[in-house]
Amino acid sequence: MLLKELTEAFGPTGFEDEVRRVVRRELEAMGLAARTDVLGNVIVQKGDDHAGPRVMLDAHMDEVGLMVTHIGEGRDEGGLLRFRPLGGVDPRVLVSKPVWVGESRIAGVIGAKPIHLQQPTDREKPIPMEQLYIDIGARDADDARRHVKPGDPVVFATEYQELSHGMAKAKSFDDRVGCYILLEALRRWQGTLPVFGAFTVQEEIGLRGAHAAAYQIQPDIAIAIEGTVAHDVVDTPSHGQSTVLGKGPALTVQDGLTIANRRFAEFLWETAKSRNIPVQWRRVKGGSNDFGAIHRIGKGVVGGAISVPVRYIHAPTQVVSLDDVKHAIDLVVAVLDEIAKGGFRP
């Protein structure tokens, strides 16, 4: 299953090679000639010889993770790995989580002082990241160095699994779900429009790949396909939920880097409604996505985002509704159809 393969692939920010191989394999199976740029973005063209606005569909390949910074020496820390975050990682969710260290996938677990040895005041606040470490079972520093080194990336060792009621859990729906949707949309859409797919790198540390990809493509319209925050759980008021799983893909009015073009946002909404595709508004303004970089390229780019709600985003285990994923694919294809028919012009 492609979504399982994508989410389980090793691809923290700056180390997207394994994800890139899966993406290129799928594009080549569709008969599409993909290229990889200097930063590592995968860019593909479909229908470049057709008339109409140039449409860029974007999804980022990287996931949040960690990086080894130090291998402990001596009796107390021999062989334990200190680390720093790659992207926005909440230290509160790290203790006791299994991880893979390096692309060779050395098994480890994030450790901390057990509760029995903590002072009462220690239990009143989250354990700071500098007090955590990764234990790979090494006997000492020399043993650890045989397997890992400073600079090695780390990802959470979470397997994809389907849950009840059409839900699924995995480590990296942000944004492998977007990569999956973009691949399936390119597979399905057979219209006449110059469409460019961009599978970008290093979104989690500043939207870096998207900036370079958009500069090369010079789109007229751009859509970021992204996982977005959902907190639709017990005791959360509706205004604090942002999005709700199972209610369809989410459209953005404002986030941390963009204010939506009103015409385009309404075009997305009306397209969804005309095709009976469930859709919702994203109800918080924090965070952003690759469109925050894309829309500032050249003379400016009109567009927005189509986002899949993700519970526990940026955590070791994330949850989505597979219905939302299906409806997001439907919406991307419908939007391309409408643009091709002249339903929106920048």
C-alpha atoms as a PDB file:
ATOM      1  CA  MET A   1       0.000   0.000   0.000  1.00  0.00           C
ATOM      2  CA  LEU A   2       1.489   3.301  -1.135  1.00  0.00           C
ATOM      3  CA  LEU A   3       0.337   5.396   1.841  1.00  0.00           C
ATOM      4  CA  LYS A   4       1.884   2.868   4.237  1.00  0.00           C
ATOM      5  CA  GLU A   5       5.150   2.846   2.293  1.00  0.00           C
ATOM      6  CA  LEU A   6       5.346   6.637   2.207  1.00  0.00           C
ATOM      7  CA  THR A   7       4.619   7.148   5.895  1.00  0.00           C
ATOM      8  CA  GLU A   8       7.084   4.476   6.994  1.00  0.00           C
ATOM      9  CA  ALA A   9       9.853   5.785   4.741  1.00  0.00           C
ATOM     10  CA  PHE A  10      12.839   7.399   6.486  1.00  0.00           C
ATOM     11  CA  GLY A  11      12.775  11.094   5.614  1.00  0.00           C
ATOM     12  CA  PRO A  12      13.502  13.733   8.257  1.00  0.00           C
ATOM     13  CA  THR A  13      14.255  17.271   7.102  1.00  0.00           C
ATOM     14  CA  GLY A  14      17.357  17.310   4.915  1.00  0.00           C
ATOM     15  CA  PHE A  15      17.418  13.508   4.544  1.00  0.00           C
ATOM     16  CA  GLU A  16      14.501  12.865   2.176  1.00  0.00           C
ATOM     17  CA  ASP A  17      16.325  10.351  -0.067  1.00  0.00           C
ATOM     18  CA  GLU A  18      14.161   7.316   0.722  1.00  0.00           C
ATOM     19  CA  VAL A  19      10.930   9.234   0.180  1.00  0.00           C
ATOM     20  CA  ARG A  20      12.307  10.691  -3.028  1.00  0.00           C
ATOM     21  CA  ARG A  21      13.019   7.195  -4.382  1.00  0.00           C
ATOM     22  CA  VAL A  22       9.418   6.129  -3.753  1.00  0.00           C
ATOM     23  CA  VAL A  23       8.052   9.291  -5.382  1.00  0.00           C
ATOM     24  CA  ARG A  24      10.246   8.971  -8.463  1.00  0.00           C
ATOM     25  CA  ARG A  25       9.346   5.288  -8.846  1.00  0.00           C
ATOM     26  CA  GLU A  26       5.625   6.112  -8.836  1.00  0.00           C
ATOM     27  CA  LEU A  27       6.030   8.998 -11.284  1.00  0.00           C
ATOM     28  CA  GLU A  28       8.070   6.866 -13.667  1.00  0.00           C
ATOM     29  CA  ALA A  29       5.378   4.154 -13.498  1.00  0.00           C
ATOM     30  CA  MET A  30       2.916   6.815 -14.725  1.00  0.00           C
ATOM     31  CA  GLY A  31       5.214   7.605 -17.644  1.00  0.00           C
ATOM     32  CA  LEU A  32       6.114  11.025 -16.247  1.00  0.00           C
ATOM     33  CA  ALA A  33       9.684  12.316 -16.537  1.00  0.00           C
ATOM     34  CA  ALA A  34      10.706  13.681 -13.139  1.00  0.00           C
ATOM     35  CA  ARG A  35      13.841  15.631 -12.321  1.00  0.00           C
ATOM     36  CA  THR A  36      15.575  16.301  -9.030  1.00  0.00           C
ATOM     37  CA  ASP A  37      16.982  19.780  -8.459  1.00  0.00           C
ATOM     38  CA  VAL A  38      20.042  20.828  -6.479  1.00  0.00           C
ATOM     39  CA  LEU A  39      18.184  20.955  -3.147  1.00  0.00           C
ATOM     40  CA  GLY A  40      16.549  17.564  -3.692  1.00  0.00           C
ATOM     41  CA  ASN A  41      13.058  18.642  -4.789  1.00  0.00           C
ATOM     42  CA  VAL A  42      11.363  16.304  -7.259  1.00  0.00           C
ATOM     43  CA  ILE A  43       9.624  18.262 -10.026  1.00  0.00           C
ATOM     44  CA  VAL A  44       7.420  16.765 -12.707  1.00  0.00           C
ATOM     45  CA  GLN A  45       5.495  18.315 -15.600  1.00  0.00           C
ATOM     46  CA  LYS A  46       2.234  17.073 -17.033  1.00  0.00           C
ATOM     47  CA  GLY A  47       0.686  18.800 -20.032  1.00  0.00           C
ATOM     48  CA  ASP A  48       3.280  21.558 -20.349  1.00  0.00           C
ATOM     49  CA  ASP A  49       2.395  21.911 -24.043  1.00  0.00           C
ATOM     50  CA  HIS A  50      -1.230  22.781 -23.244  1.00  0.00           C
ATOM     51  CA  ALA A  51      -2.655  26.277 -22.986  1.00  0.00           C
ATOM     52  CA  GLY A  52      -3.867  27.742 -19.711  1.00  0.00           C
ATOM     53  CA  PRO A  53      -2.435  28.967 -16.423  1.00  0.00           C
ATOM     54  CA  ARG A  54       0.570  27.116 -15.036  1.00  0.00           C
ATOM     55  CA  VAL A  55      -0.625  25.227 -11.944  1.00  0.00           C
ATOM     56  CA  MET A  56       1.835  24.088  -9.277  1.00  0.00           C
ATOM     57  CA  LEU A  57       0.745  21.325  -6.906  1.00  0.00           C
ATOM     58  CA  ASP A  58       3.065  21.062  -3.909  1.00  0.00           C
ATOM     59  CA  ALA A  59       3.625  18.517  -1.120  1.00  0.00           C
ATOM     60  CA  HIS A  60       6.690  18.299   1.093  1.00  0.00           C
ATOM     61  CA  MET A  61       8.573  15.044   1.567  1.00  0.00           C
ATOM     62  CA  ASP A  62      10.283  15.758   4.881  1.00  0.00           C
ATOM     63  CA  GLU A  63       9.044  14.942   8.379  1.00  0.00           C
ATOM     64  CA  VAL A  64      10.019  16.277  11.791  1.00  0.00           C
ATOM     65  CA  GLY A  65      12.745  14.290  13.505  1.00  0.00           C
ATOM     66  CA  LEU A  66      15.923  14.524  15.543  1.00  0.00           C
ATOM     67  CA  MET A  67      19.676  14.657  14.933  1.00  0.00           C
ATOM     68  CA  VAL A  68      22.443  13.056  16.992  1.00  0.00           C
ATOM     69  CA  THR A  69      24.787  15.724  18.344  1.00  0.00           C
ATOM     70  CA  HIS A  70      26.984  13.868  20.841  1.00  0.00           C
ATOM     71  CA  ILE A  71      27.959  10.355  21.929  1.00  0.00           C
ATOM     72  CA  GLY A  72      28.344  10.182  25.696  1.00  0.00           C
ATOM     73  CA  GLU A  73      31.655   9.191  27.286  1.00  0.00           C
ATOM     74  CA  GLY A  74      32.511   7.771  30.696  1.00  0.00           C
ATOM     75  CA  ARG A  75      30.778   5.557  33.205  1.00  0.00           C
ATOM     76  CA  ASP A  76      27.496   7.485  33.457  1.00  0.00           C
ATOM     77  CA  GLU A  77      26.773   8.362  29.821  1.00  0.00           C
ATOM     78  CA  GLY A  78      28.928   5.958  27.850  1.00  0.00           C
ATOM     79  CA  GLY A  79      27.214   5.181  24.548  1.00  0.00           C
ATOM     80  CA  LEU A  80      24.115   7.333  25.144  1.00  0.00           C
ATOM     81  CA  LEU A  81      23.234   9.753  22.338  1.00  0.00           C
ATOM     82  CA  ARG A  82      22.353  13.391  22.860  1.00  0.00           C
ATOM     83  CA  PHE A  83      20.248  15.040  20.162  1.00  0.00           C
ATOM     84  CA  ARG A  84      18.539  18.175  18.897  1.00  0.00           C
ATOM     85  CA  PRO A  85      15.242  18.565  17.026  1.00  0.00           C
ATOM     86  CA  LEU A  86      14.832  18.730  13.254  1.00  0.00           C
ATOM     87  CA  GLY A  87      11.710  20.848  12.955  1.00  0.00           C
ATOM     88  CA  GLY A  88       9.091  21.600  15.577  1.00  0.00           C
ATOM     89  CA  VAL A  89       9.186  18.723  18.052  1.00  0.00           C
ATOM     90  CA  ASP A  90       7.483  19.002  21.461  1.00  0.00           C
ATOM     91  CA  PRO A  91       9.790  17.518  24.159  1.00  0.00           C
ATOM     92  CA  ARG A  92       6.729  16.460  26.181  1.00  0.00           C
ATOM     93  CA  VAL A  93       5.967  13.663  23.709  1.00  0.00           C
ATOM     94  CA  LEU A  94       9.466  12.171  23.496  1.00  0.00           C
ATOM     95  CA  VAL A  95      10.103  10.128  26.645  1.00  0.00           C
ATOM     96  CA  SER A  96      10.194   6.332  26.073  1.00  0.00           C
ATOM     97  CA  LYS A  97       9.453   6.594  22.340  1.00  0.00           C
ATOM     98  CA  PRO A  98      11.172   4.052  20.066  1.00  0.00           C
ATOM     99  CA  VAL A  99      13.249   5.556  17.268  1.00  0.00           C
ATOM    100  CA  TRP A 100      15.351   4.636  14.255  1.00  0.00           C
ATOM    101  CA  VAL A 101      18.831   6.206  14.192  1.00  0.00           C
ATOM    102  CA  GLY A 102      20.402   6.771  10.782  1.00  0.00           C
ATOM    103  CA  GLU A 103      19.222   5.517   7.431  1.00  0.00           C
ATOM    104  CA  SER A 104      20.469   2.035   8.380  1.00  0.00           C
ATOM    105  CA  ARG A 105      17.754   2.146  11.073  1.00  0.00           C
ATOM    106  CA  ILE A 106      19.626   1.414  14.282  1.00  0.00           C
ATOM    107  CA  ALA A 107      16.938   0.743  16.893  1.00  0.00           C
ATOM    108  CA  GLY A 108      16.862   2.974  19.957  1.00  0.00           C
ATOM    109  CA  VAL A 109      14.607   4.415  22.629  1.00  0.00           C
ATOM    110  CA  ILE A 110      14.452   7.929  24.060  1.00  0.00           C
ATOM    111  CA  GLY A 111      15.295   7.749  27.763  1.00  0.00           C
ATOM    112  CA  ALA A 112      15.155   9.972  30.838  1.00  0.00           C
ATOM    113  CA  LYS A 113      15.591   9.691  34.598  1.00  0.00           C
ATOM    114  CA  PRO A 114      12.831   7.371  35.930  1.00  0.00           C
ATOM    115  CA  ILE A 115      10.130   8.834  38.134  1.00  0.00           C
ATOM    116  CA  HIS A 116      11.509   6.949  41.182  1.00  0.00           C
ATOM    117  CA  LEU A 117      14.706   9.017  41.040  1.00  0.00           C
ATOM    118  CA  GLN A 118      13.154  12.393  40.285  1.00  0.00           C
ATOM    119  CA  GLN A 119      12.727  15.145  42.838  1.00  0.00           C
ATOM    120  CA  PRO A 120       9.103  16.225  43.455  1.00  0.00           C
ATOM    121  CA  THR A 121       9.782  19.512  41.652  1.00  0.00           C
ATOM    122  CA  ASP A 122      11.025  17.586  38.591  1.00  0.00           C
ATOM    123  CA  ARG A 123       7.567  16.063  38.152  1.00  0.00           C
ATOM    124  CA  GLU A 124       5.868  19.439  37.922  1.00  0.00           C
ATOM    125  CA  LYS A 125       7.265  20.364  34.512  1.00  0.00           C
ATOM    126  CA  PRO A 126       8.111  18.658  31.215  1.00  0.00           C
ATOM    127  CA  ILE A 127      11.585  17.145  30.972  1.00  0.00           C
ATOM    128  CA  PRO A 128      13.665  19.510  28.820  1.00  0.00           C
ATOM    129  CA  MET A 129      15.167  18.048  25.676  1.00  0.00           C
ATOM    130  CA  GLU A 130      18.731  18.535  26.909  1.00  0.00           C
ATOM    131  CA  GLN A 131      18.035  16.039  29.700  1.00  0.00           C
ATOM    132  CA  LEU A 132      16.845  13.343  27.288  1.00  0.00           C
ATOM    133  CA  TYR A 133      19.018  10.873  25.402  1.00  0.00           C
ATOM    134  CA  ILE A 134      18.745   7.988  22.954  1.00  0.00           C
ATOM    135  CA  ASP A 135      19.737   4.549  24.181  1.00  0.00           C
ATOM    136  CA  ILE A 136      20.749   2.118  21.410  1.00  0.00           C
ATOM    137  CA  GLY A 137      21.955  -0.528  23.844  1.00  0.00           C
ATOM    138  CA  ALA A 138      25.640   0.294  23.325  1.00  0.00           C
ATOM    139  CA  ARG A 139      28.095  -0.948  25.960  1.00  0.00           C
ATOM    140  CA  ASP A 140      30.161   2.247  25.778  1.00  0.00           C
ATOM    141  CA  ALA A 141      31.062   5.149  23.505  1.00  0.00           C
ATOM    142  CA  ASP A 142      33.340   3.059  21.292  1.00  0.00           C
ATOM    143  CA  ASP A 143      30.580   0.520  20.804  1.00  0.00           C
ATOM    144  CA  ALA A 144      28.095   3.267  19.910  1.00  0.00           C
ATOM    145  CA  ARG A 145      30.521   4.785  17.373  1.00  0.00           C
ATOM    146  CA  ARG A 146      30.572   1.518  15.466  1.00  0.00           C
ATOM    147  CA  HIS A 147      26.913   2.091  14.609  1.00  0.00           C
ATOM    148  CA  VAL A 148      26.171   5.835  14.738  1.00  0.00           C
ATOM    149  CA  LYS A 149      27.913   9.199  14.560  1.00  0.00           C
ATOM    150  CA  PRO A 150      27.087  12.833  15.317  1.00  0.00           C
ATOM    151  CA  GLY A 151      24.972  14.239  12.514  1.00  0.00           C
ATOM    152  CA  ASP A 152      22.967  11.065  12.009  1.00  0.00           C
ATOM    153  CA  PRO A 153      19.226  11.791  11.603  1.00  0.00           C
ATOM    154  CA  VAL A 154      16.584  10.114  13.741  1.00  0.00           C
ATOM    155  CA  VAL A 155      12.900   9.327  13.099  1.00  0.00           C
ATOM    156  CA  PHE A 156      10.179   7.812  15.234  1.00  0.00           C
ATOM    157  CA  ALA A 157       9.773   4.048  14.799  1.00  0.00           C
ATOM    158  CA  THR A 158       6.005   4.072  14.261  1.00  0.00           C
ATOM    159  CA  GLU A 159       4.374   1.699  11.778  1.00  0.00           C
ATOM    160  CA  TYR A 160       1.365   2.574   9.662  1.00  0.00           C
ATOM    161  CA  GLN A 161      -1.794   0.883  10.892  1.00  0.00           C
ATOM    162  CA  GLU A 162      -5.460   1.248  10.039  1.00  0.00           C
ATOM    163  CA  LEU A 163      -7.740   1.795  13.036  1.00  0.00           C
ATOM    164  CA  SER A 164     -11.497   1.481  13.387  1.00  0.00           C
ATOM    165  CA  HIS A 165     -14.023   3.784  11.674  1.00  0.00           C
ATOM    166  CA  GLY A 166     -11.769   4.523   8.695  1.00  0.00           C
ATOM    167  CA  MET A 167      -8.936   6.048  10.704  1.00  0.00           C
ATOM    168  CA  ALA A 168      -5.213   5.344  10.353  1.00  0.00           C
ATOM    169  CA  LYS A 169      -2.114   6.094  12.402  1.00  0.00           C
ATOM    170  CA  ALA A 170       1.489   6.658  11.298  1.00  0.00           C
ATOM    171  CA  LYS A 171       4.539   8.744  12.140  1.00  0.00           C
ATOM    172  CA  SER A 172       4.546  11.186   9.241  1.00  0.00           C
ATOM    173  CA  PHE A 173       1.155  12.064   7.818  1.00  0.00           C
ATOM    174  CA  ASP A 174       2.630  15.572   7.844  1.00  0.00           C
ATOM    175  CA  ASP A 175       3.235  15.514   4.953  1.00  0.00           C
ATOM    176  CA  ARG A 176       3.401  12.071   3.398  1.00  0.00           C
ATOM    177  CA  VAL A 177      -0.373  12.266   3.167  1.00  0.00           C
ATOM    178  CA  GLY A 178       0.158  15.247   0.857  1.00  0.00           C
ATOM    179  CA  CYS A 179       2.693  13.308  -1.223  1.00  0.00           C
ATOM    180  CA  TYR A 180       0.196  10.459  -1.542  1.00  0.00           C
ATOM    181  CA  ILE A 181      -2.634  12.802  -2.569  1.00  0.00           C
ATOM    182  CA  LEU A 182      -0.442  14.551  -5.127  1.00  0.00           C
ATOM    183  CA  LEU A 183       0.675  11.252  -6.660  1.00  0.00           C
ATOM    184  CA  GLU A 184      -2.884   9.935  -6.865  1.00  0.00           C
ATOM    185  CA  ALA A 185      -4.163  13.216  -8.319  1.00  0.00           C
ATOM    186  CA  LEU A 186      -1.476  13.138 -11.022  1.00  0.00           C
ATOM    187  CA  ARG A 187      -2.374   9.500 -11.705  1.00  0.00           C
ATOM    188  CA  ARG A 188      -6.080  10.305 -12.124  1.00  0.00           C
ATOM    189  CA  TRP A 189      -6.114  13.667 -13.851  1.00  0.00           C
ATOM    190  CA  GLN A 190      -6.024  13.486 -17.639  1.00  0.00           C
ATOM    191  CA  GLY A 191      -7.120  16.996 -18.586  1.00  0.00           C
ATOM    192  CA  THR A 192      -5.473  19.671 -20.704  1.00  0.00           C
ATOM    193  CA  LEU A 193      -3.601  22.105 -18.500  1.00  0.00           C
ATOM    194  CA  PRO A 194       0.081  22.749 -17.748  1.00  0.00           C
ATOM    195  CA  VAL A 195       0.344  21.099 -14.315  1.00  0.00           C
ATOM    196  CA  PHE A 196       3.555  20.844 -12.300  1.00  0.00           C
ATOM    197  CA  GLY A 197       3.976  18.542  -9.330  1.00  0.00           C
ATOM    198  CA  ALA A 198       6.588  19.578  -6.763  1.00  0.00           C
ATOM    199  CA  PHE A 199       7.632  17.188  -4.008  1.00  0.00           C
ATOM    200  CA  THR A 200       9.709  19.477  -1.851  1.00  0.00           C
ATOM    201  CA  VAL A 201      12.369  19.228   0.852  1.00  0.00           C
ATOM    202  CA  GLN A 202      13.043  20.999   4.146  1.00  0.00           C
ATOM    203  CA  GLU A 203       9.575  22.425   4.724  1.00  0.00           C
ATOM    204  CA  GLU A 204       9.816  21.787   8.458  1.00  0.00           C
ATOM    205  CA  ILE A 205      12.743  24.164   8.895  1.00  0.00           C
ATOM    206  CA  GLY A 206      11.576  27.102   6.819  1.00  0.00           C
ATOM    207  CA  LEU A 207       9.788  26.123   3.577  1.00  0.00           C
ATOM    208  CA  ARG A 208      13.182  26.013   1.861  1.00  0.00           C
ATOM    209  CA  GLY A 209      12.539  23.546  -0.939  1.00  0.00           C
ATOM    210  CA  ALA A 210       9.260  25.132  -1.992  1.00  0.00           C
ATOM    211  CA  HIS A 211      10.938  28.493  -2.543  1.00  0.00           C
ATOM    212  CA  ALA A 212      13.445  27.010  -4.978  1.00  0.00           C
ATOM    213  CA  ALA A 213      10.852  24.815  -6.706  1.00  0.00           C
ATOM    214  CA  ALA A 214       8.453  27.699  -7.272  1.00  0.00           C
ATOM    215  CA  TYR A 215      11.269  29.875  -8.611  1.00  0.00           C
ATOM    216  CA  GLN A 216      11.939  27.214 -11.256  1.00  0.00           C
ATOM    217  CA  ILE A 217       8.288  26.569 -12.136  1.00  0.00           C
ATOM    218  CA  GLN A 218       7.062  30.199 -12.096  1.00  0.00           C
ATOM    219  CA  PRO A 219       3.427  29.157 -11.560  1.00  0.00           C
ATOM    220  CA  ASP A 220       0.343  31.280 -12.104  1.00  0.00           C
ATOM    221  CA  ILE A 221      -1.633  29.258  -9.521  1.00  0.00           C
ATOM    222  CA  ALA A 222      -0.267  27.135  -6.688  1.00  0.00           C
ATOM    223  CA  ILE A 223      -1.847  24.742  -4.187  1.00  0.00           C
ATOM    224  CA  ALA A 224      -0.020  23.282  -1.208  1.00  0.00           C
ATOM    225  CA  ILE A 225      -1.357  19.852  -0.272  1.00  0.00           C
ATOM    226  CA  GLU A 226      -0.657  19.453   3.401  1.00  0.00           C
ATOM    227  CA  GLY A 227      -1.502  17.835   6.702  1.00  0.00           C
ATOM    228  CA  THR A 228      -2.879  20.393   9.135  1.00  0.00           C
ATOM    229  CA  VAL A 229      -3.557  20.584  12.850  1.00  0.00           C
ATOM    230  CA  ALA A 230      -6.663  18.965  14.363  1.00  0.00           C
ATOM    231  CA  HIS A 231      -7.526  18.826  18.050  1.00  0.00           C
ATOM    232  CA  ASP A 232     -11.094  17.515  17.909  1.00  0.00           C
ATOM    233  CA  VAL A 233     -10.893  15.610  21.184  1.00  0.00           C
ATOM    234  CA  VAL A 234     -12.633  15.595  24.561  1.00  0.00           C
ATOM    235  CA  ASP A 235     -13.195  18.956  26.298  1.00  0.00           C
ATOM    236  CA  THR A 236     -11.856  21.049  23.418  1.00  0.00           C
ATOM    237  CA  PRO A 237     -14.231  23.884  22.424  1.00  0.00           C
ATOM    238  CA  SER A 238     -15.068  24.043  18.747  1.00  0.00           C
ATOM    239  CA  HIS A 239     -13.062  27.241  18.178  1.00  0.00           C
ATOM    240  CA  GLY A 240      -9.951  25.479  19.476  1.00  0.00           C
ATOM    241  CA  GLN A 241     -10.274  22.368  17.330  1.00  0.00           C
ATOM    242  CA  SER A 242      -9.030  24.007  14.120  1.00  0.00           C
ATOM    243  CA  THR A 243     -10.340  21.092  12.033  1.00  0.00           C
ATOM    244  CA  VAL A 244     -12.346  17.927  12.616  1.00  0.00           C
ATOM    245  CA  LEU A 245     -11.398  14.489  11.311  1.00  0.00           C
ATOM    246  CA  GLY A 246     -13.923  13.020   8.901  1.00  0.00           C
ATOM    247  CA  LYS A 247     -15.430  16.373   7.885  1.00  0.00           C
ATOM    248  CA  GLY A 248     -13.376  16.636   4.718  1.00  0.00           C
ATOM    249  CA  PRO A 249     -10.227  18.500   3.643  1.00  0.00           C
ATOM    250  CA  ALA A 250      -9.680  21.940   5.142  1.00  0.00           C
ATOM    251  CA  LEU A 251      -9.289  25.298   3.410  1.00  0.00           C
ATOM    252  CA  THR A 252      -7.355  28.178   4.953  1.00  0.00           C
ATOM    253  CA  VAL A 253      -8.476  31.783   5.397  1.00  0.00           C
ATOM    254  CA  GLN A 254      -5.376  32.914   7.295  1.00  0.00           C
ATOM    255  CA  ASP A 255      -2.293  31.245   8.728  1.00  0.00           C
ATOM    256  CA  GLY A 256       1.059  32.393  10.065  1.00  0.00           C
ATOM    257  CA  LEU A 257       2.383  33.472   6.650  1.00  0.00           C
ATOM    258  CA  THR A 258      -0.581  34.047   4.347  1.00  0.00           C
ATOM    259  CA  ILE A 259      -4.003  35.606   4.079  1.00  0.00           C
ATOM    260  CA  ALA A 260      -5.989  33.659   1.518  1.00  0.00           C
ATOM    261  CA  ASN A 261      -6.920  35.213  -1.776  1.00  0.00           C
ATOM    262  CA  ARG A 262     -10.666  35.532  -1.274  1.00  0.00           C
ATOM    263  CA  ARG A 263     -11.569  34.700  -4.879  1.00  0.00           C
ATOM    264  CA  PHE A 264      -9.479  31.526  -4.852  1.00  0.00           C
ATOM    265  CA  ALA A 265     -10.655  30.378  -1.432  1.00  0.00           C
ATOM    266  CA  GLU A 266     -14.271  30.765  -2.518  1.00  0.00           C
ATOM    267  CA  PHE A 267     -13.475  28.990  -5.789  1.00  0.00           C
ATOM    268  CA  LEU A 268     -12.120  26.002  -3.839  1.00  0.00           C
ATOM    269  CA  TRP A 269     -15.175  25.978  -1.574  1.00  0.00           C
ATOM    270  CA  GLU A 270     -17.698  26.240  -4.405  1.00  0.00           C
ATOM    271  CA  THR A 271     -15.891  23.565  -6.431  1.00  0.00           C
ATOM    272  CA  ALA A 272     -16.104  21.180  -3.478  1.00  0.00           C
ATOM    273  CA  LYS A 273     -19.770  21.908  -2.888  1.00  0.00           C
ATOM    274  CA  SER A 274     -20.673  21.523  -6.574  1.00  0.00           C
ATOM    275  CA  ARG A 275     -19.080  18.031  -6.573  1.00  0.00           C
ATOM    276  CA  ASN A 276     -20.580  17.013  -3.197  1.00  0.00           C
ATOM    277  CA  ILE A 277     -17.110  16.794  -1.671  1.00  0.00           C
ATOM    278  CA  PRO A 278     -17.167  17.518   2.089  1.00  0.00           C
ATOM    279  CA  VAL A 279     -14.942  20.444   3.005  1.00  0.00           C
ATOM    280  CA  GLN A 280     -14.306  22.626   6.068  1.00  0.00           C
ATOM    281  CA  TRP A 281     -12.556  25.833   7.025  1.00  0.00           C
ATOM    282  CA  ARG A 282      -9.365  25.743   9.080  1.00  0.00           C
ATOM    283  CA  ARG A 283     -10.218  27.755  12.189  1.00  0.00           C
ATOM    284  CA  VAL A 284      -6.862  28.874  13.589  1.00  0.00           C
ATOM    285  CA  LYS A 285      -4.253  31.226  12.178  1.00  0.00           C
ATOM    286  CA  GLY A 286      -1.077  29.600  13.563  1.00  0.00           C
ATOM    287  CA  GLY A 287       1.363  27.532  11.535  1.00  0.00           C
ATOM    288  CA  SER A 288       1.788  27.605   7.775  1.00  0.00           C
ATOM    289  CA  ASN A 289       2.759  25.464   4.785  1.00  0.00           C
ATOM    290  CA  ASP A 290       4.744  25.689   1.567  1.00  0.00           C
ATOM    291  CA  PHE A 291       2.309  28.166   0.027  1.00  0.00           C
ATOM    292  CA  GLY A 292       3.741  30.697   2.477  1.00  0.00           C
ATOM    293  CA  ALA A 293       6.951  30.637   0.415  1.00  0.00           C
ATOM    294  CA  ILE A 294       5.441  29.980  -3.019  1.00  0.00           C
ATOM    295  CA  HIS A 295       3.066  32.959  -3.094  1.00  0.00           C
ATOM    296  CA  ARG A 296       5.923  35.473  -2.844  1.00  0.00           C
ATOM    297  CA  ILE A 297       7.812  34.226  -5.904  1.00  0.00           C
ATOM    298  CA  GLY A 298       8.190  36.568  -8.878  1.00  0.00           C
ATOM    299  CA  LYS A 299       5.293  38.998  -9.154  1.00  0.00           C
ATOM    300  CA  GLY A 300       3.257  36.939  -6.682  1.00  0.00           C
ATOM    301  CA  VAL A 301       1.267  33.715  -7.039  1.00  0.00           C
ATOM    302  CA  VAL A 302      -2.427  33.233  -6.378  1.00  0.00           C
ATOM    303  CA  GLY A 303      -3.524  30.041  -4.659  1.00  0.00           C
ATOM    304  CA  GLY A 304      -3.856  28.421  -1.259  1.00  0.00           C
ATOM    305  CA  ALA A 305      -3.832  25.067   0.481  1.00  0.00           C
ATOM    306  CA  ILE A 306      -5.900  21.896   0.575  1.00  0.00           C
ATOM    307  CA  SER A 307      -5.166  20.284   3.929  1.00  0.00           C
ATOM    308  CA  VAL A 308      -5.946  16.957   5.578  1.00  0.00           C
ATOM    309  CA  PRO A 309      -6.732  17.226   9.318  1.00  0.00           C
ATOM    310  CA  VAL A 310      -4.102  15.398  11.404  1.00  0.00           C
ATOM    311  CA  ARG A 311      -4.491  14.645  15.104  1.00  0.00           C
ATOM    312  CA  TYR A 312      -1.260  14.786  17.134  1.00  0.00           C
ATOM    313  CA  ILE A 313       0.633  16.460  14.300  1.00  0.00           C
ATOM    314  CA  HIS A 314       4.439  16.610  14.792  1.00  0.00           C
ATOM    315  CA  ALA A 315       4.147  13.789  17.342  1.00  0.00           C
ATOM    316  CA  PRO A 316       5.539  10.230  17.110  1.00  0.00           C
ATOM    317  CA  THR A 317       2.088   8.871  16.210  1.00  0.00           C
ATOM    318  CA  GLN A 318      -0.417  10.858  14.123  1.00  0.00           C
ATOM    319  CA  VAL A 319      -4.003  10.013  13.141  1.00  0.00           C
ATOM    320  CA  VAL A 320      -6.028  10.844  10.024  1.00  0.00           C
ATOM    321  CA  SER A 321      -9.355   9.917   8.487  1.00  0.00           C
ATOM    322  CA  LEU A 322      -8.906   7.951   5.276  1.00  0.00           C
ATOM    323  CA  ASP A 323     -12.170   9.463   4.045  1.00  0.00           C
ATOM    324  CA  ASP A 324     -10.568  12.912   4.307  1.00  0.00           C
ATOM    325  CA  VAL A 325      -7.636  11.635   2.258  1.00  0.00           C
ATOM    326  CA  LYS A 326      -9.945  10.299  -0.470  1.00  0.00           C
ATOM    327  CA  HIS A 327     -11.950  13.511  -0.548  1.00  0.00           C
ATOM    328  CA  ALA A 328      -8.769  15.579  -0.791  1.00  0.00           C
ATOM    329  CA  ILE A 329      -7.758  13.629  -3.914  1.00  0.00           C
ATOM    330  CA  ASP A 330     -11.242  14.182  -5.344  1.00  0.00           C
ATOM    331  CA  LEU A 331     -10.995  17.911  -4.633  1.00  0.00           C
ATOM    332  CA  VAL A 332      -7.570  18.359  -6.230  1.00  0.00           C
ATOM    333  CA  VAL A 333      -8.763  16.628  -9.405  1.00  0.00           C
ATOM    334  CA  ALA A 334     -11.996  18.646  -9.425  1.00  0.00           C
ATOM    335  CA  VAL A 335     -10.100  21.920  -9.016  1.00  0.00           C
ATOM    336  CA  LEU A 336      -7.838  21.068 -11.965  1.00  0.00           C
ATOM    337  CA  ASP A 337     -10.914  20.234 -14.046  1.00  0.00           C
ATOM    338  CA  GLU A 338     -12.529  23.571 -13.209  1.00  0.00           C
ATOM    339  CA  ILE A 339      -9.374  25.577 -13.923  1.00  0.00           C
ATOM    340  CA  ALA A 340      -9.002  23.794 -17.265  1.00  0.00           C
ATOM    341  CA  LYS A 341     -12.590  24.770 -18.136  1.00  0.00           C
ATOM    342  CA  GLY A 342     -11.861  28.405 -17.292  1.00  0.00           C
ATOM    343  CA  GLY A 343     -13.600  28.348 -13.924  1.00  0.00           C
ATOM    344  CA  PHE A 344     -10.793  30.371 -12.363  1.00  0.00           C
ATOM    345  CA  ARG A 345      -8.240  32.727 -13.841  1.00  0.00           C
ATOM    346  CA  PRO A 346      -5.543  34.513 -11.816  1.00  0.00           C
END
